[in-house]
């Protein structure tokens, strides 16, 4: 939902000294929200904050209404609280006077799309003083957001040269030009990420 997350600084705007808009006196709308920059997922709730402006760009106080274009994806309350119900694309329409703003909404279904290992390549030794390397796995959704509550299983292409435990710690055993250490998503066994470990 990156396109939905507008400048967070908008949420800091206070309506100090703003005037009350006459009927149809609103000509501009800006939106802030507390949506995570790491995506919006099924079950999330996102609070929208609305700022209304007159034709001169002055902040004004005016009634605001909300509606969901696709309520099977997300609903929105009278106070602008969005509840994400299902994965997919929707939008929220914000209306004040004659001004309208359509806010796109992408709800992530948390489907595993890729696994990235860090570092992607490294060299270690084969003695107890320098033969350990902690690899870090990052699982992403098909929408390229950091996935939630995912686990991986670890494997090595040659356990006689480099072993790996299920925490992602690779251990050098014997010199080699390179062994693939891979992390496979447990909920999508066709999805894995690999790193090359060289043992000196």
C-alpha atoms as a PDB file:
ATOM      1  CA  UNK A   1       0.000   0.000   0.000  1.00  0.00           C
ATOM      2  CA  UNK A   2       2.911   2.340  -0.530  1.00  0.00           C
ATOM      3  CA  UNK A   3       0.893   4.556  -2.866  1.00  0.00           C
ATOM      4  CA  UNK A   4      -1.633   4.994  -0.053  1.00  0.00           C
ATOM      5  CA  UNK A   5       0.835   6.250   2.543  1.00  0.00           C
ATOM      6  CA  UNK A   6       1.114   9.999   2.153  1.00  0.00           C
ATOM      7  CA  UNK A   7       3.569  12.273   3.907  1.00  0.00           C
ATOM      8  CA  UNK A   8       3.563  11.334   7.555  1.00  0.00           C
ATOM      9  CA  UNK A   9       4.162  14.954   8.489  1.00  0.00           C
ATOM     10  CA  UNK A  10       0.576  15.677   7.515  1.00  0.00           C
ATOM     11  CA  UNK A  11      -0.492  13.941  10.681  1.00  0.00           C
ATOM     12  CA  UNK A  12       1.303  16.632  12.688  1.00  0.00           C
ATOM     13  CA  UNK A  13      -0.791  19.464  11.255  1.00  0.00           C
ATOM     14  CA  UNK A  14      -3.102  21.031  13.825  1.00  0.00           C
ATOM     15  CA  UNK A  15      -6.143  23.076  12.956  1.00  0.00           C
ATOM     16  CA  UNK A  16      -4.968  26.082  14.979  1.00  0.00           C
ATOM     17  CA  UNK A  17      -6.706  29.259  13.908  1.00  0.00           C
ATOM     18  CA  UNK A  18      -8.413  27.560  10.979  1.00  0.00           C
ATOM     19  CA  UNK A  19     -11.787  28.822   9.855  1.00  0.00           C
ATOM     20  CA  UNK A  20     -15.008  26.957   9.318  1.00  0.00           C
ATOM     21  CA  UNK A  21     -15.726  26.318   5.672  1.00  0.00           C
ATOM     22  CA  UNK A  22     -19.074  27.594   4.375  1.00  0.00           C
ATOM     23  CA  UNK A  23     -21.204  25.131   2.398  1.00  0.00           C
ATOM     24  CA  UNK A  24     -19.172  23.830  -0.587  1.00  0.00           C
ATOM     25  CA  UNK A  25     -16.219  25.957   0.566  1.00  0.00           C
ATOM     26  CA  UNK A  26     -13.719  23.095   0.485  1.00  0.00           C
ATOM     27  CA  UNK A  27     -11.566  22.960  -2.635  1.00  0.00           C
ATOM     28  CA  UNK A  28      -8.767  20.664  -1.524  1.00  0.00           C
ATOM     29  CA  UNK A  29      -8.270  17.547   0.605  1.00  0.00           C
ATOM     30  CA  UNK A  30      -5.079  15.991   1.949  1.00  0.00           C
ATOM     31  CA  UNK A  31      -4.800  12.642   3.685  1.00  0.00           C
ATOM     32  CA  UNK A  32      -2.506  11.283   6.366  1.00  0.00           C
ATOM     33  CA  UNK A  33      -2.639   7.820   7.916  1.00  0.00           C
ATOM     34  CA  UNK A  34      -0.952   5.562  10.424  1.00  0.00           C
ATOM     35  CA  UNK A  35      -0.421   2.834   7.803  1.00  0.00           C
ATOM     36  CA  UNK A  36       2.837   0.922   8.090  1.00  0.00           C
ATOM     37  CA  UNK A  37       5.455   1.594   5.393  1.00  0.00           C
ATOM     38  CA  UNK A  38       5.895  -2.206   5.286  1.00  0.00           C
ATOM     39  CA  UNK A  39       2.471  -2.742   3.750  1.00  0.00           C
ATOM     40  CA  UNK A  40      -1.116  -3.176   4.858  1.00  0.00           C
ATOM     41  CA  UNK A  41      -2.297  -6.735   5.465  1.00  0.00           C
ATOM     42  CA  UNK A  42      -5.570  -8.577   5.946  1.00  0.00           C
ATOM     43  CA  UNK A  43      -6.787  -7.859   9.474  1.00  0.00           C
ATOM     44  CA  UNK A  44      -5.013  -4.515   9.757  1.00  0.00           C
ATOM     45  CA  UNK A  45      -6.803  -1.345  10.762  1.00  0.00           C
ATOM     46  CA  UNK A  46      -5.643   1.988   9.389  1.00  0.00           C
ATOM     47  CA  UNK A  47      -6.774   5.354  10.713  1.00  0.00           C
ATOM     48  CA  UNK A  48      -7.067   8.106   8.118  1.00  0.00           C
ATOM     49  CA  UNK A  49      -6.580  11.757   9.054  1.00  0.00           C
ATOM     50  CA  UNK A  50      -8.146  14.336   6.743  1.00  0.00           C
ATOM     51  CA  UNK A  51      -7.177  17.968   6.199  1.00  0.00           C
ATOM     52  CA  UNK A  52      -9.465  20.267   4.216  1.00  0.00           C
ATOM     53  CA  UNK A  53      -8.483  23.509   2.497  1.00  0.00           C
ATOM     54  CA  UNK A  54     -10.312  26.410   0.898  1.00  0.00           C
ATOM     55  CA  UNK A  55      -9.609  27.842  -2.554  1.00  0.00           C
ATOM     56  CA  UNK A  56      -6.775  29.949  -1.120  1.00  0.00           C
ATOM     57  CA  UNK A  57      -5.053  26.977   0.449  1.00  0.00           C
ATOM     58  CA  UNK A  58      -6.084  27.836   3.980  1.00  0.00           C
ATOM     59  CA  UNK A  59      -6.809  25.017   6.381  1.00  0.00           C
ATOM     60  CA  UNK A  60     -10.531  24.953   7.187  1.00  0.00           C
ATOM     61  CA  UNK A  61     -12.793  22.874   9.377  1.00  0.00           C
ATOM     62  CA  UNK A  62     -15.452  21.057   7.388  1.00  0.00           C
ATOM     63  CA  UNK A  63     -17.522  17.849   7.579  1.00  0.00           C
ATOM     64  CA  UNK A  64     -15.933  14.826   5.908  1.00  0.00           C
ATOM     65  CA  UNK A  65     -17.464  11.541   4.765  1.00  0.00           C
ATOM     66  CA  UNK A  66     -15.868   8.264   3.721  1.00  0.00           C
ATOM     67  CA  UNK A  67     -16.915   5.386   1.501  1.00  0.00           C
ATOM     68  CA  UNK A  68     -15.267   2.193   0.295  1.00  0.00           C
ATOM     69  CA  UNK A  69     -15.346   1.405  -3.425  1.00  0.00           C
ATOM     70  CA  UNK A  70     -14.834  -2.300  -2.714  1.00  0.00           C
ATOM     71  CA  UNK A  71     -16.168  -3.159   0.768  1.00  0.00           C
ATOM     72  CA  UNK A  72     -15.297  -6.836   0.331  1.00  0.00           C
ATOM     73  CA  UNK A  73     -11.636  -5.766   0.412  1.00  0.00           C
ATOM     74  CA  UNK A  74     -11.932  -3.063   3.086  1.00  0.00           C
ATOM     75  CA  UNK A  75     -14.588  -1.147   4.954  1.00  0.00           C
ATOM     76  CA  UNK A  76     -14.292   2.356   6.361  1.00  0.00           C
ATOM     77  CA  UNK A  77     -16.073   3.870   9.333  1.00  0.00           C
ATOM     78  CA  UNK A  78     -17.554   7.353   9.650  1.00  0.00           C
ATOM     79  CA  UNK A  79     -14.379   8.392  11.488  1.00  0.00           C
ATOM     80  CA  UNK A  80     -12.060   7.179   8.709  1.00  0.00           C
ATOM     81  CA  UNK A  81     -10.975   3.893  10.281  1.00  0.00           C
ATOM     82  CA  UNK A  82     -10.241   1.359   7.539  1.00  0.00           C
ATOM     83  CA  UNK A  83     -10.608  -2.351   8.301  1.00  0.00           C
ATOM     84  CA  UNK A  84      -8.853  -4.631   5.812  1.00  0.00           C
ATOM     85  CA  UNK A  85     -10.894  -7.770   5.176  1.00  0.00           C
ATOM     86  CA  UNK A  86      -9.365  -9.548   2.179  1.00  0.00           C
ATOM     87  CA  UNK A  87      -6.381  -9.408  -0.140  1.00  0.00           C
ATOM     88  CA  UNK A  88      -6.843  -7.271  -3.216  1.00  0.00           C
ATOM     89  CA  UNK A  89      -7.134  -3.766  -4.593  1.00  0.00           C
ATOM     90  CA  UNK A  90      -9.717  -1.270  -3.444  1.00  0.00           C
ATOM     91  CA  UNK A  91     -10.018   2.425  -2.769  1.00  0.00           C
ATOM     92  CA  UNK A  92     -11.473   4.813  -0.240  1.00  0.00           C
ATOM     93  CA  UNK A  93     -13.346   7.925  -1.365  1.00  0.00           C
ATOM     94  CA  UNK A  94     -13.071  10.958   0.885  1.00  0.00           C
ATOM     95  CA  UNK A  95     -15.644  13.716   0.352  1.00  0.00           C
ATOM     96  CA  UNK A  96     -15.983  17.172   1.840  1.00  0.00           C
ATOM     97  CA  UNK A  97     -18.382  19.628   0.232  1.00  0.00           C
ATOM     98  CA  UNK A  98     -17.781  19.424  -3.500  1.00  0.00           C
ATOM     99  CA  UNK A  99     -14.215  18.137  -3.083  1.00  0.00           C
ATOM    100  CA  UNK A 100     -13.491  14.445  -3.566  1.00  0.00           C
ATOM    101  CA  UNK A 101     -10.312  12.418  -3.160  1.00  0.00           C
ATOM    102  CA  UNK A 102      -9.945   8.751  -4.102  1.00  0.00           C
ATOM    103  CA  UNK A 103      -7.238   6.962  -2.138  1.00  0.00           C
ATOM    104  CA  UNK A 104      -5.985   3.662  -3.639  1.00  0.00           C
ATOM    105  CA  UNK A 105      -5.676   0.763  -1.218  1.00  0.00           C
ATOM    106  CA  UNK A 106      -3.672  -2.434  -1.758  1.00  0.00           C
ATOM    107  CA  UNK A 107      -4.258  -5.106   0.881  1.00  0.00           C
ATOM    108  CA  UNK A 108      -1.506  -7.703   1.075  1.00  0.00           C
ATOM    109  CA  UNK A 109      -2.545 -11.334   1.461  1.00  0.00           C
ATOM    110  CA  UNK A 110       0.823 -12.274   2.998  1.00  0.00           C
ATOM    111  CA  UNK A 111       1.573 -14.828   0.272  1.00  0.00           C
ATOM    112  CA  UNK A 112       5.257 -15.732   0.161  1.00  0.00           C
ATOM    113  CA  UNK A 113       6.977 -14.398  -2.936  1.00  0.00           C
ATOM    114  CA  UNK A 114      10.724 -14.453  -2.304  1.00  0.00           C
ATOM    115  CA  UNK A 115      13.456 -15.101   0.244  1.00  0.00           C
ATOM    116  CA  UNK A 116      16.582 -12.947   0.478  1.00  0.00           C
ATOM    117  CA  UNK A 117      19.727 -13.949   2.378  1.00  0.00           C
ATOM    118  CA  UNK A 118      22.194 -11.474   3.818  1.00  0.00           C
ATOM    119  CA  UNK A 119      25.040 -11.515   3.026  1.00  0.00           C
ATOM    120  CA  UNK A 120      24.536 -13.035  -0.404  1.00  0.00           C
ATOM    121  CA  UNK A 121      28.214 -14.066  -0.560  1.00  0.00           C
ATOM    122  CA  UNK A 122      30.897 -14.349   2.082  1.00  0.00           C
ATOM    123  CA  UNK A 123      34.217 -15.980   2.917  1.00  0.00           C
ATOM    124  CA  UNK A 124      35.008 -17.774   6.162  1.00  0.00           C
ATOM    125  CA  UNK A 125      37.788 -19.951   7.510  1.00  0.00           C
ATOM    126  CA  UNK A 126      37.751 -23.605   8.507  1.00  0.00           C
ATOM    127  CA  UNK A 127      39.165 -23.350  12.010  1.00  0.00           C
ATOM    128  CA  UNK A 128      37.155 -22.745  15.166  1.00  0.00           C
ATOM    129  CA  UNK A 129      38.463 -19.177  15.337  1.00  0.00           C
ATOM    130  CA  UNK A 130      36.953 -17.988  12.056  1.00  0.00           C
ATOM    131  CA  UNK A 131      34.621 -20.603  10.598  1.00  0.00           C
ATOM    132  CA  UNK A 132      31.160 -19.342  11.659  1.00  0.00           C
ATOM    133  CA  UNK A 133      28.846 -17.077   9.686  1.00  0.00           C
ATOM    134  CA  UNK A 134      25.330 -16.010  10.714  1.00  0.00           C
ATOM    135  CA  UNK A 135      23.105 -15.645   7.656  1.00  0.00           C
ATOM    136  CA  UNK A 136      19.939 -13.568   7.924  1.00  0.00           C
ATOM    137  CA  UNK A 137      16.811 -14.501   5.996  1.00  0.00           C
ATOM    138  CA  UNK A 138      14.171 -11.991   4.894  1.00  0.00           C
ATOM    139  CA  UNK A 139      10.891 -13.277   3.482  1.00  0.00           C
ATOM    140  CA  UNK A 140       8.852 -11.019   1.190  1.00  0.00           C
ATOM    141  CA  UNK A 141       5.306 -11.267  -0.122  1.00  0.00           C
ATOM    142  CA  UNK A 142       4.344 -11.355  -3.773  1.00  0.00           C
ATOM    143  CA  UNK A 143       3.659  -7.612  -3.372  1.00  0.00           C
ATOM    144  CA  UNK A 144       7.284  -7.166  -2.204  1.00  0.00           C
ATOM    145  CA  UNK A 145       6.349  -6.242   1.365  1.00  0.00           C
ATOM    146  CA  UNK A 146       8.152  -7.849   4.309  1.00  0.00           C
ATOM    147  CA  UNK A 147       6.088 -10.963   5.024  1.00  0.00           C
ATOM    148  CA  UNK A 148       4.662 -11.629   8.460  1.00  0.00           C
ATOM    149  CA  UNK A 149       5.083 -14.718  10.635  1.00  0.00           C
ATOM    150  CA  UNK A 150       7.099 -16.744   8.124  1.00  0.00           C
ATOM    151  CA  UNK A 151       9.672 -19.435   8.813  1.00  0.00           C
ATOM    152  CA  UNK A 152      12.345 -21.084   6.678  1.00  0.00           C
ATOM    153  CA  UNK A 153      14.332 -24.310   6.634  1.00  0.00           C
ATOM    154  CA  UNK A 154      18.053 -24.214   5.948  1.00  0.00           C
ATOM    155  CA  UNK A 155      20.122 -26.492   3.724  1.00  0.00           C
ATOM    156  CA  UNK A 156      23.613 -26.777   2.275  1.00  0.00           C
ATOM    157  CA  UNK A 157      24.728 -28.049  -1.103  1.00  0.00           C
ATOM    158  CA  UNK A 158      27.792 -29.752   0.438  1.00  0.00           C
ATOM    159  CA  UNK A 159      27.747 -30.562   4.137  1.00  0.00           C
ATOM    160  CA  UNK A 160      31.348 -31.877   3.958  1.00  0.00           C
ATOM    161  CA  UNK A 161      32.550 -28.349   3.209  1.00  0.00           C
ATOM    162  CA  UNK A 162      30.002 -26.054   4.894  1.00  0.00           C
ATOM    163  CA  UNK A 163      27.287 -27.081   7.332  1.00  0.00           C
ATOM    164  CA  UNK A 164      24.308 -24.952   8.384  1.00  0.00           C
ATOM    165  CA  UNK A 165      21.988 -25.228  11.357  1.00  0.00           C
ATOM    166  CA  UNK A 166      18.344 -24.197  11.511  1.00  0.00           C
ATOM    167  CA  UNK A 167      19.214 -20.769  12.915  1.00  0.00           C
ATOM    168  CA  UNK A 168      21.071 -19.934   9.696  1.00  0.00           C
ATOM    169  CA  UNK A 169      24.581 -20.226  11.115  1.00  0.00           C
ATOM    170  CA  UNK A 170      26.977 -21.633   8.510  1.00  0.00           C
ATOM    171  CA  UNK A 171      30.147 -23.373   9.670  1.00  0.00           C
ATOM    172  CA  UNK A 172      33.216 -23.859   7.487  1.00  0.00           C
ATOM    173  CA  UNK A 173      34.590 -27.414   7.563  1.00  0.00           C
ATOM    174  CA  UNK A 174      36.995 -27.666   4.632  1.00  0.00           C
ATOM    175  CA  UNK A 175      38.346 -25.273   1.977  1.00  0.00           C
ATOM    176  CA  UNK A 176      36.043 -24.801  -1.025  1.00  0.00           C
ATOM    177  CA  UNK A 177      35.522 -22.343  -3.846  1.00  0.00           C
ATOM    178  CA  UNK A 178      31.879 -22.027  -2.891  1.00  0.00           C
ATOM    179  CA  UNK A 179      28.939 -23.842  -1.325  1.00  0.00           C
ATOM    180  CA  UNK A 180      25.302 -22.779  -1.654  1.00  0.00           C
ATOM    181  CA  UNK A 181      23.483 -22.252   1.606  1.00  0.00           C
ATOM    182  CA  UNK A 182      19.743 -21.906   1.050  1.00  0.00           C
ATOM    183  CA  UNK A 183      16.688 -20.925   3.081  1.00  0.00           C
ATOM    184  CA  UNK A 184      13.384 -22.353   1.842  1.00  0.00           C
ATOM    185  CA  UNK A 185      10.041 -20.921   2.899  1.00  0.00           C
ATOM    186  CA  UNK A 186       8.153 -23.548   4.883  1.00  0.00           C
ATOM    187  CA  UNK A 187       4.790 -22.481   3.461  1.00  0.00           C
ATOM    188  CA  UNK A 188       6.018 -22.296  -0.149  1.00  0.00           C
ATOM    189  CA  UNK A 189       8.697 -24.910  -0.771  1.00  0.00           C
ATOM    190  CA  UNK A 190       9.350 -23.675  -4.299  1.00  0.00           C
ATOM    191  CA  UNK A 191      10.488 -20.328  -2.911  1.00  0.00           C
ATOM    192  CA  UNK A 192      14.031 -20.089  -1.576  1.00  0.00           C
ATOM    193  CA  UNK A 193      16.968 -17.769  -1.322  1.00  0.00           C
ATOM    194  CA  UNK A 194      20.607 -18.833  -1.452  1.00  0.00           C
ATOM    195  CA  UNK A 195      23.989 -17.428  -0.506  1.00  0.00           C
ATOM    196  CA  UNK A 196      27.451 -18.525  -1.592  1.00  0.00           C
ATOM    197  CA  UNK A 197      29.888 -19.336   1.193  1.00  0.00           C
ATOM    198  CA  UNK A 198      33.577 -19.705   0.381  1.00  0.00           C
ATOM    199  CA  UNK A 199      35.877 -21.457   2.845  1.00  0.00           C
ATOM    200  CA  UNK A 200      39.505 -20.391   2.867  1.00  0.00           C
END
